[in-house]
Amino acid sequence: MAAIWTFWWAWLALALVLAMIEILLPGFIFLGFAIGAVGVAVIVWLASGLGLPLLLLIFAALSLAAWLGLRRKFRLGDGQVKTFQHDIND
């Protein structure tokens, strides 16, 4: 019987769980992990037979790249502070 990490749908399920956690705890941290898990799912789908250490290395690299990309895309400019001009209840 094959191990669970050799199935592409297991990585997609992990990505879905991580995306749901990101909805509950926003901050683009879990979203980076979810993007990394989707990338590993595609790799497992295309090239099966990779070992767990290599898959975890790919997952870490893709997650880091996704997190850095999200951070660059959604960050505030240098020296800027997020301020609110009105109350949501007004």
PDB file of N, CA and C in Angstrom:
ATOM      1  N   MET A   1       0.843  -1.182   0.000  1.00  0.00           N
ATOM      2  CA  MET A   1       0.000   0.000   0.000  1.00  0.00           C
ATOM      3  C   MET A   1       0.891   1.248   0.000  1.00  0.00           C
ATOM      4  N   ALA A   2       0.506   2.199  -0.803  1.00  0.00           N
ATOM      5  CA  ALA A   2       1.293   3.429  -0.945  1.00  0.00           C
ATOM      6  C   ALA A   2       1.041   4.364   0.236  1.00  0.00           C
ATOM      7  N   ALA A   3       2.039   5.157   0.539  1.00  0.00           N
ATOM      8  CA  ALA A   3       1.921   6.129   1.626  1.00  0.00           C
ATOM      9  C   ALA A   3       1.033   7.288   1.185  1.00  0.00           C
ATOM     10  N   ILE A   4       0.454   7.981   2.154  1.00  0.00           N
ATOM     11  CA  ILE A   4      -0.519   9.037   1.861  1.00  0.00           C
ATOM     12  C   ILE A   4       0.099  10.194   1.092  1.00  0.00           C
ATOM     13  N   TRP A   5       1.391  10.516   1.318  1.00  0.00           N
ATOM     14  CA  TRP A   5       1.986  11.656   0.637  1.00  0.00           C
ATOM     15  C   TRP A   5       2.230  11.391  -0.852  1.00  0.00           C
ATOM     16  N   THR A   6       2.018  10.169  -1.329  1.00  0.00           N
ATOM     17  CA  THR A   6       2.193   9.872  -2.747  1.00  0.00           C
ATOM     18  C   THR A   6       0.924  10.137  -3.555  1.00  0.00           C
ATOM     19  N   PHE A   7      -0.157  10.532  -2.891  1.00  0.00           N
ATOM     20  CA  PHE A   7      -1.412  10.828  -3.582  1.00  0.00           C
ATOM     21  C   PHE A   7      -1.564  12.336  -3.743  1.00  0.00           C
ATOM     22  N   TRP A   8      -1.836  12.770  -4.964  1.00  0.00           N
ATOM     23  CA  TRP A   8      -1.983  14.200  -5.237  1.00  0.00           C
ATOM     24  C   TRP A   8      -3.173  14.787  -4.505  1.00  0.00           C
ATOM     25  N   TRP A   9      -4.245  14.008  -4.345  1.00  0.00           N
ATOM     26  CA  TRP A   9      -5.442  14.542  -3.698  1.00  0.00           C
ATOM     27  C   TRP A   9      -5.213  14.789  -2.210  1.00  0.00           C
ATOM     28  N   ALA A  10      -4.266  14.083  -1.600  1.00  0.00           N
ATOM     29  CA  ALA A  10      -3.954  14.339  -0.185  1.00  0.00           C
ATOM     30  C   ALA A  10      -3.316  15.712  -0.025  1.00  0.00           C
ATOM     31  N   TRP A  11      -2.463  16.089  -0.968  1.00  0.00           N
ATOM     32  CA  TRP A  11      -1.847  17.418  -0.921  1.00  0.00           C
ATOM     33  C   TRP A  11      -2.894  18.493  -1.188  1.00  0.00           C
ATOM     34  N   LEU A  12      -3.853  18.217  -2.080  1.00  0.00           N
ATOM     35  CA  LEU A  12      -4.933  19.182  -2.309  1.00  0.00           C
ATOM     36  C   LEU A  12      -5.826  19.316  -1.083  1.00  0.00           C
ATOM     37  N   ALA A  13      -6.067  18.208  -0.393  1.00  0.00           N
ATOM     38  CA  ALA A  13      -6.853  18.280   0.843  1.00  0.00           C
ATOM     39  C   ALA A  13      -6.121  19.108   1.893  1.00  0.00           C
ATOM     40  N   LEU A  14      -4.811  18.941   1.987  1.00  0.00           N
ATOM     41  CA  LEU A  14      -4.012  19.751   2.908  1.00  0.00           C
ATOM     42  C   LEU A  14      -4.093  21.225   2.524  1.00  0.00           C
ATOM     43  N   ALA A  15      -4.026  21.509   1.231  1.00  0.00           N
ATOM     44  CA  ALA A  15      -4.135  22.892   0.768  1.00  0.00           C
ATOM     45  C   ALA A  15      -5.490  23.484   1.139  1.00  0.00           C
ATOM     46  N   LEU A  16      -6.539  22.718   1.014  1.00  0.00           N
ATOM     47  CA  LEU A  16      -7.875  23.189   1.367  1.00  0.00           C
ATOM     48  C   LEU A  16      -7.979  23.478   2.862  1.00  0.00           C
ATOM     49  N   VAL A  17      -7.439  22.605   3.687  1.00  0.00           N
ATOM     50  CA  VAL A  17      -7.450  22.823   5.137  1.00  0.00           C
ATOM     51  C   VAL A  17      -6.649  24.076   5.496  1.00  0.00           C
ATOM     52  N   LEU A  18      -5.498  24.242   4.880  1.00  0.00           N
ATOM     53  CA  LEU A  18      -4.681  25.422   5.158  1.00  0.00           C
ATOM     54  C   LEU A  18      -5.369  26.704   4.688  1.00  0.00           C
ATOM     55  N   ALA A  19      -6.072  26.640   3.568  1.00  0.00           N
ATOM     56  CA  ALA A  19      -6.815  27.812   3.095  1.00  0.00           C
ATOM     57  C   ALA A  19      -7.961  28.152   4.045  1.00  0.00           C
ATOM     58  N   MET A  20      -8.607  27.147   4.597  1.00  0.00           N
ATOM     59  CA  MET A  20      -9.673  27.414   5.575  1.00  0.00           C
ATOM     60  C   MET A  20      -9.108  28.020   6.854  1.00  0.00           C
ATOM     61  N   ILE A  21      -7.950  27.574   7.268  1.00  0.00           N
ATOM     62  CA  ILE A  21      -7.303  28.167   8.441  1.00  0.00           C
ATOM     63  C   ILE A  21      -6.952  29.621   8.153  1.00  0.00           C
ATOM     64  N   GLU A  22      -6.530  29.907   6.925  1.00  0.00           N
ATOM     65  CA  GLU A  22      -6.211  31.283   6.549  1.00  0.00           C
ATOM     66  C   GLU A  22      -7.443  32.172   6.623  1.00  0.00           C
ATOM     67  N   ILE A  23      -8.591  31.645   6.298  1.00  0.00           N
ATOM     68  CA  ILE A  23      -9.829  32.421   6.411  1.00  0.00           C
ATOM     69  C   ILE A  23     -10.117  32.752   7.869  1.00  0.00           C
ATOM     70  N   LEU A  24      -9.862  31.808   8.752  1.00  0.00           N
ATOM     71  CA  LEU A  24     -10.123  32.028  10.174  1.00  0.00           C
ATOM     72  C   LEU A  24      -9.048  32.901  10.830  1.00  0.00           C
ATOM     73  N   LEU A  25      -7.812  32.775  10.394  1.00  0.00           N
ATOM     74  CA  LEU A  25      -6.688  33.518  10.966  1.00  0.00           C
ATOM     75  C   LEU A  25      -5.939  34.226   9.842  1.00  0.00           C
ATOM     76  N   PRO A  26      -6.469  35.347   9.328  1.00  0.00           N
ATOM     77  CA  PRO A  26      -5.831  35.991   8.177  1.00  0.00           C
ATOM     78  C   PRO A  26      -4.454  36.559   8.507  1.00  0.00           C
ATOM     79  N   GLY A  27      -3.611  36.563   7.519  1.00  0.00           N
ATOM     80  CA  GLY A  27      -2.268  37.088   7.687  1.00  0.00           C
ATOM     81  C   GLY A  27      -1.338  36.649   6.579  1.00  0.00           C
ATOM     82  N   PHE A  28      -1.825  35.935   5.599  1.00  0.00           N
ATOM     83  CA  PHE A  28      -1.083  35.441   4.439  1.00  0.00           C
ATOM     84  C   PHE A  28      -0.036  34.403   4.803  1.00  0.00           C
ATOM     85  N   ILE A  29      -0.043  33.896   6.015  1.00  0.00           N
ATOM     86  CA  ILE A  29       0.926  32.862   6.388  1.00  0.00           C
ATOM     87  C   ILE A  29       0.444  31.500   5.912  1.00  0.00           C
ATOM     88  N   PHE A  30      -0.772  31.140   6.288  1.00  0.00           N
ATOM     89  CA  PHE A  30      -1.303  29.840   5.896  1.00  0.00           C
ATOM     90  C   PHE A  30      -1.623  29.794   4.404  1.00  0.00           C
ATOM     91  N   LEU A  31      -1.888  30.954   3.806  1.00  0.00           N
ATOM     92  CA  LEU A  31      -2.134  30.994   2.363  1.00  0.00           C
ATOM     93  C   LEU A  31      -0.868  30.616   1.597  1.00  0.00           C
ATOM     94  N   GLY A  32       0.278  31.038   2.086  1.00  0.00           N
ATOM     95  CA  GLY A  32       1.538  30.632   1.461  1.00  0.00           C
ATOM     96  C   GLY A  32       1.745  29.126   1.540  1.00  0.00           C
ATOM     97  N   PHE A  33       1.411  28.541   2.691  1.00  0.00           N
ATOM     98  CA  PHE A  33       1.503  27.088   2.829  1.00  0.00           C
ATOM     99  C   PHE A  33       0.506  26.384   1.909  1.00  0.00           C
ATOM    100  N   ALA A  34      -0.692  26.950   1.765  1.00  0.00           N
ATOM    101  CA  ALA A  34      -1.699  26.353   0.888  1.00  0.00           C
ATOM    102  C   ALA A  34      -1.228  26.375  -0.564  1.00  0.00           C
ATOM    103  N   ILE A  35      -0.637  27.471  -0.988  1.00  0.00           N
ATOM    104  CA  ILE A  35      -0.116  27.552  -2.354  1.00  0.00           C
ATOM    105  C   ILE A  35       1.009  26.541  -2.559  1.00  0.00           C
ATOM    106  N   GLY A  36       1.858  26.378  -1.554  1.00  0.00           N
ATOM    107  CA  GLY A  36       2.917  25.372  -1.629  1.00  0.00           C
ATOM    108  C   GLY A  36       2.361  23.964  -1.732  1.00  0.00           C
ATOM    109  N   ALA A  37       1.293  23.673  -1.006  1.00  0.00           N
ATOM    110  CA  ALA A  37       0.679  22.342  -1.065  1.00  0.00           C
ATOM    111  C   ALA A  37       0.044  22.090  -2.429  1.00  0.00           C
ATOM    112  N   VAL A  38      -0.550  23.114  -3.020  1.00  0.00           N
ATOM    113  CA  VAL A  38      -1.110  22.952  -4.373  1.00  0.00           C
ATOM    114  C   VAL A  38       0.009  22.672  -5.367  1.00  0.00           C
ATOM    115  N   GLY A  39       1.125  23.376  -5.224  1.00  0.00           N
ATOM    116  CA  GLY A  39       2.268  23.124  -6.106  1.00  0.00           C
ATOM    117  C   GLY A  39       2.792  21.704  -5.983  1.00  0.00           C
ATOM    118  N   VAL A  40       2.875  21.206  -4.768  1.00  0.00           N
ATOM    119  CA  VAL A  40       3.337  19.829  -4.561  1.00  0.00           C
ATOM    120  C   VAL A  40       2.312  18.839  -5.121  1.00  0.00           C
ATOM    121  N   ALA A  41       1.025  19.151  -5.017  1.00  0.00           N
ATOM    122  CA  ALA A  41      -0.007  18.278  -5.585  1.00  0.00           C
ATOM    123  C   ALA A  41       0.172  18.159  -7.095  1.00  0.00           C
ATOM    124  N   VAL A  42       0.467  19.269  -7.744  1.00  0.00           N
ATOM    125  CA  VAL A  42       0.696  19.231  -9.196  1.00  0.00           C
ATOM    126  C   VAL A  42       1.937  18.413  -9.520  1.00  0.00           C
ATOM    127  N   ILE A  43       2.990  18.582  -8.740  1.00  0.00           N
ATOM    128  CA  ILE A  43       4.225  17.829  -8.979  1.00  0.00           C
ATOM    129  C   ILE A  43       4.007  16.339  -8.766  1.00  0.00           C
ATOM    130  N   VAL A  44       3.286  15.971  -7.708  1.00  0.00           N
ATOM    131  CA  VAL A  44       3.011  14.548  -7.451  1.00  0.00           C
ATOM    132  C   VAL A  44       2.136  13.973  -8.558  1.00  0.00           C
ATOM    133  N   TRP A  45       1.208  14.780  -9.052  1.00  0.00           N
ATOM    134  CA  TRP A  45       0.329  14.319 -10.133  1.00  0.00           C
ATOM    135  C   TRP A  45       1.133  14.061 -11.411  1.00  0.00           C
ATOM    136  N   LEU A  46       2.104  14.933 -11.691  1.00  0.00           N
ATOM    137  CA  LEU A  46       2.896  14.799 -12.913  1.00  0.00           C
ATOM    138  C   LEU A  46       4.033  13.788 -12.773  1.00  0.00           C
ATOM    139  N   ALA A  47       4.661  13.727 -11.607  1.00  0.00           N
ATOM    140  CA  ALA A  47       5.830  12.862 -11.427  1.00  0.00           C
ATOM    141  C   ALA A  47       5.685  12.093 -10.128  1.00  0.00           C
ATOM    142  N   SER A  48       5.029  10.976 -10.184  1.00  0.00           N
ATOM    143  CA  SER A  48       4.876  10.170  -8.971  1.00  0.00           C
ATOM    144  C   SER A  48       6.177   9.430  -8.680  1.00  0.00           C
ATOM    145  N   GLY A  49       6.294   8.943  -7.461  1.00  0.00           N
ATOM    146  CA  GLY A  49       7.473   8.182  -7.079  1.00  0.00           C
ATOM    147  C   GLY A  49       8.524   8.994  -6.355  1.00  0.00           C
ATOM    148  N   LEU A  50       8.226  10.248  -6.032  1.00  0.00           N
ATOM    149  CA  LEU A  50       9.184  11.061  -5.282  1.00  0.00           C
ATOM    150  C   LEU A  50       9.082  10.717  -3.804  1.00  0.00           C
ATOM    151  N   GLY A  51      10.179  10.766  -3.121  1.00  0.00           N
ATOM    152  CA  GLY A  51      10.215  10.439  -1.699  1.00  0.00           C
ATOM    153  C   GLY A  51       9.722  11.586  -0.833  1.00  0.00           C
ATOM    154  N   LEU A  52       9.411  11.261   0.404  1.00  0.00           N
ATOM    155  CA  LEU A  52       8.900  12.259   1.340  1.00  0.00           C
ATOM    156  C   LEU A  52       9.890  13.387   1.597  1.00  0.00           C
ATOM    157  N   PRO A  53      11.182  13.132   1.817  1.00  0.00           N
ATOM    158  CA  PRO A  53      12.101  14.262   2.058  1.00  0.00           C
ATOM    159  C   PRO A  53      12.135  15.257   0.895  1.00  0.00           C
ATOM    160  N   LEU A  54      12.132  14.764  -0.328  1.00  0.00           N
ATOM    161  CA  LEU A  54      12.140  15.654  -1.485  1.00  0.00           C
ATOM    162  C   LEU A  54      10.833  16.427  -1.593  1.00  0.00           C
ATOM    163  N   LEU A  55       9.712  15.777  -1.327  1.00  0.00           N
ATOM    164  CA  LEU A  55       8.416  16.460  -1.373  1.00  0.00           C
ATOM    165  C   LEU A  55       8.326  17.542  -0.299  1.00  0.00           C
ATOM    166  N   LEU A  56       8.843  17.262   0.883  1.00  0.00           N
ATOM    167  CA  LEU A  56       8.830  18.269   1.948  1.00  0.00           C
ATOM    168  C   LEU A  56       9.746  19.444   1.611  1.00  0.00           C
ATOM    169  N   LEU A  57      10.863  19.171   0.966  1.00  0.00           N
ATOM    170  CA  LEU A  57      11.762  20.246   0.536  1.00  0.00           C
ATOM    171  C   LEU A  57      11.079  21.116  -0.519  1.00  0.00           C
ATOM    172  N   ILE A  58      10.409  20.497  -1.475  1.00  0.00           N
ATOM    173  CA  ILE A  58       9.684  21.250  -2.500  1.00  0.00           C
ATOM    174  C   ILE A  58       8.554  22.049  -1.863  1.00  0.00           C
ATOM    175  N   PHE A  59       7.842  21.437  -0.928  1.00  0.00           N
ATOM    176  CA  PHE A  59       6.753  22.124  -0.227  1.00  0.00           C
ATOM    177  C   PHE A  59       7.275  23.348   0.516  1.00  0.00           C
ATOM    178  N   ALA A  60       8.397  23.206   1.193  1.00  0.00           N
ATOM    179  CA  ALA A  60       8.966  24.332   1.936  1.00  0.00           C
ATOM    180  C   ALA A  60       9.410  25.441   0.988  1.00  0.00           C
ATOM    181  N   ALA A  61      10.063  25.077  -0.102  1.00  0.00           N
ATOM    182  CA  ALA A  61      10.537  26.083  -1.048  1.00  0.00           C
ATOM    183  C   ALA A  61       9.374  26.812  -1.715  1.00  0.00           C
ATOM    184  N   LEU A  62       8.359  26.079  -2.145  1.00  0.00           N
ATOM    185  CA  LEU A  62       7.202  26.710  -2.778  1.00  0.00           C
ATOM    186  C   LEU A  62       6.424  27.578  -1.790  1.00  0.00           C
ATOM    187  N   SER A  63       6.300  27.122  -0.563  1.00  0.00           N
ATOM    188  CA  SER A  63       5.594  27.898   0.450  1.00  0.00           C
ATOM    189  C   SER A  63       6.329  29.192   0.762  1.00  0.00           C
ATOM    190  N   LEU A  64       7.640  29.121   0.879  1.00  0.00           N
ATOM    191  CA  LEU A  64       8.430  30.320   1.132  1.00  0.00           C
ATOM    192  C   LEU A  64       8.319  31.303  -0.030  1.00  0.00           C
ATOM    193  N   ALA A  65       8.420  30.798  -1.251  1.00  0.00           N
ATOM    194  CA  ALA A  65       8.305  31.666  -2.426  1.00  0.00           C
ATOM    195  C   ALA A  65       6.920  32.314  -2.491  1.00  0.00           C
ATOM    196  N   ALA A  66       5.880  31.547  -2.197  1.00  0.00           N
ATOM    197  CA  ALA A  66       4.515  32.092  -2.212  1.00  0.00           C
ATOM    198  C   ALA A  66       4.348  33.138  -1.120  1.00  0.00           C
ATOM    199  N   TRP A  67       4.869  32.864   0.078  1.00  0.00           N
ATOM    200  CA  TRP A  67       4.746  33.820   1.175  1.00  0.00           C
ATOM    201  C   TRP A  67       5.481  35.119   0.856  1.00  0.00           C
ATOM    202  N   LEU A  68       6.680  35.009   0.293  1.00  0.00           N
ATOM    203  CA  LEU A  68       7.427  36.213  -0.074  1.00  0.00           C
ATOM    204  C   LEU A  68       6.710  36.999  -1.166  1.00  0.00           C
ATOM    205  N   GLY A  69       6.133  36.298  -2.125  1.00  0.00           N
ATOM    206  CA  GLY A  69       5.373  36.970  -3.172  1.00  0.00           C
ATOM    207  C   GLY A  69       4.134  37.665  -2.630  1.00  0.00           C
ATOM    208  N   LEU A  70       3.413  37.013  -1.735  1.00  0.00           N
ATOM    209  CA  LEU A  70       2.230  37.629  -1.125  1.00  0.00           C
ATOM    210  C   LEU A  70       2.622  38.823  -0.269  1.00  0.00           C
ATOM    211  N   ARG A  71       3.712  38.699   0.425  1.00  0.00           N
ATOM    212  CA  ARG A  71       4.184  39.796   1.276  1.00  0.00           C
ATOM    213  C   ARG A  71       4.555  41.013   0.432  1.00  0.00           C
ATOM    214  N   ARG A  72       5.215  40.765  -0.677  1.00  0.00           N
ATOM    215  CA  ARG A  72       5.600  41.868  -1.559  1.00  0.00           C
ATOM    216  C   ARG A  72       4.368  42.509  -2.209  1.00  0.00           C
ATOM    217  N   LYS A  73       3.410  41.700  -2.584  1.00  0.00           N
ATOM    218  CA  LYS A  73       2.219  42.212  -3.277  1.00  0.00           C
ATOM    219  C   LYS A  73       1.319  43.021  -2.347  1.00  0.00           C
ATOM    220  N   PHE A  74       1.125  42.586  -1.122  1.00  0.00           N
ATOM    221  CA  PHE A  74       0.129  43.178  -0.244  1.00  0.00           C
ATOM    222  C   PHE A  74       0.689  44.013   0.900  1.00  0.00           C
ATOM    223  N   ARG A  75       1.965  44.265   0.924  1.00  0.00           N
ATOM    224  CA  ARG A  75       2.533  45.029   2.031  1.00  0.00           C
ATOM    225  C   ARG A  75       2.265  46.521   1.852  1.00  0.00           C
ATOM    226  N   LEU A  76       2.357  47.238   2.957  1.00  0.00           N
ATOM    227  CA  LEU A  76       2.265  48.691   2.927  1.00  0.00           C
ATOM    228  C   LEU A  76       3.595  49.259   2.452  1.00  0.00           C
ATOM    229  N   GLY A  77       3.542  50.477   1.951  1.00  0.00           N
ATOM    230  CA  GLY A  77       4.764  51.130   1.507  1.00  0.00           C
ATOM    231  C   GLY A  77       5.697  51.414   2.669  1.00  0.00           C
ATOM    232  N   ASP A  78       6.925  51.761   2.367  1.00  0.00           N
ATOM    233  CA  ASP A  78       7.911  52.051   3.408  1.00  0.00           C
ATOM    234  C   ASP A  78       7.493  53.272   4.215  1.00  0.00           C
ATOM    235  N   GLY A  79       7.497  53.136   5.518  1.00  0.00           N
ATOM    236  CA  GLY A  79       7.164  54.246   6.403  1.00  0.00           C
ATOM    237  C   GLY A  79       5.686  54.486   6.559  1.00  0.00           C
ATOM    238  N   GLN A  80       4.847  53.679   5.960  1.00  0.00           N
ATOM    239  CA  GLN A  80       3.406  53.864   6.078  1.00  0.00           C
ATOM    240  C   GLN A  80       2.864  53.017   7.217  1.00  0.00           C
ATOM    241  N   VAL A  81       1.839  53.566   7.849  1.00  0.00           N
ATOM    242  CA  VAL A  81       1.156  52.869   8.922  1.00  0.00           C
ATOM    243  C   VAL A  81      -0.305  52.765   8.534  1.00  0.00           C
ATOM    244  N   LYS A  82      -0.886  51.617   8.757  1.00  0.00           N
ATOM    245  CA  LYS A  82      -2.296  51.431   8.424  1.00  0.00           C
ATOM    246  C   LYS A  82      -3.152  52.176   9.441  1.00  0.00           C
ATOM    247  N   THR A  83      -3.953  53.099   8.968  1.00  0.00           N
ATOM    248  CA  THR A  83      -4.850  53.859   9.833  1.00  0.00           C
ATOM    249  C   THR A  83      -6.271  53.728   9.331  1.00  0.00           C
ATOM    250  N   PHE A  84      -7.208  53.929  10.223  1.00  0.00           N
ATOM    251  CA  PHE A  84      -8.622  53.850   9.895  1.00  0.00           C
ATOM    252  C   PHE A  84      -9.241  55.229  10.098  1.00  0.00           C
ATOM    253  N   GLN A  85      -9.944  55.724   9.092  1.00  0.00           N
ATOM    254  CA  GLN A  85     -10.526  57.050   9.132  1.00  0.00           C
ATOM    255  C   GLN A  85     -11.949  57.067   9.688  1.00  0.00           C
ATOM    256  N   HIS A  86     -12.612  55.921   9.668  1.00  0.00           N
ATOM    257  CA  HIS A  86     -13.992  55.879  10.149  1.00  0.00           C
ATOM    258  C   HIS A  86     -14.254  54.535  10.841  1.00  0.00           C
ATOM    259  N   ASP A  87     -15.284  54.561  11.626  1.00  0.00           N
ATOM    260  CA  ASP A  87     -15.684  53.353  12.343  1.00  0.00           C
ATOM    261  C   ASP A  87     -16.620  52.549  11.456  1.00  0.00           C
ATOM    262  N   ILE A  88     -16.538  51.250  11.532  1.00  0.00           N
ATOM    263  CA  ILE A  88     -17.377  50.381  10.712  1.00  0.00           C
ATOM    264  C   ILE A  88     -18.863  50.550  11.072  1.00  0.00           C
ATOM    265  N   ASN A  89     -19.141  50.999  12.297  1.00  0.00           N
ATOM    266  CA  ASN A  89     -20.524  51.140  12.731  1.00  0.00           C
ATOM    267  C   ASN A  89     -21.127  52.494  12.377  1.00  0.00           C
ATOM    268  N   ASP A  90     -20.339  53.409  11.832  1.00  0.00           N
ATOM    269  CA  ASP A  90     -20.878  54.725  11.455  1.00  0.00           C
ATOM    270  C   ASP A  90     -21.686  54.659  10.188  1.00  0.00           C
TER     271      ASP A  90
END
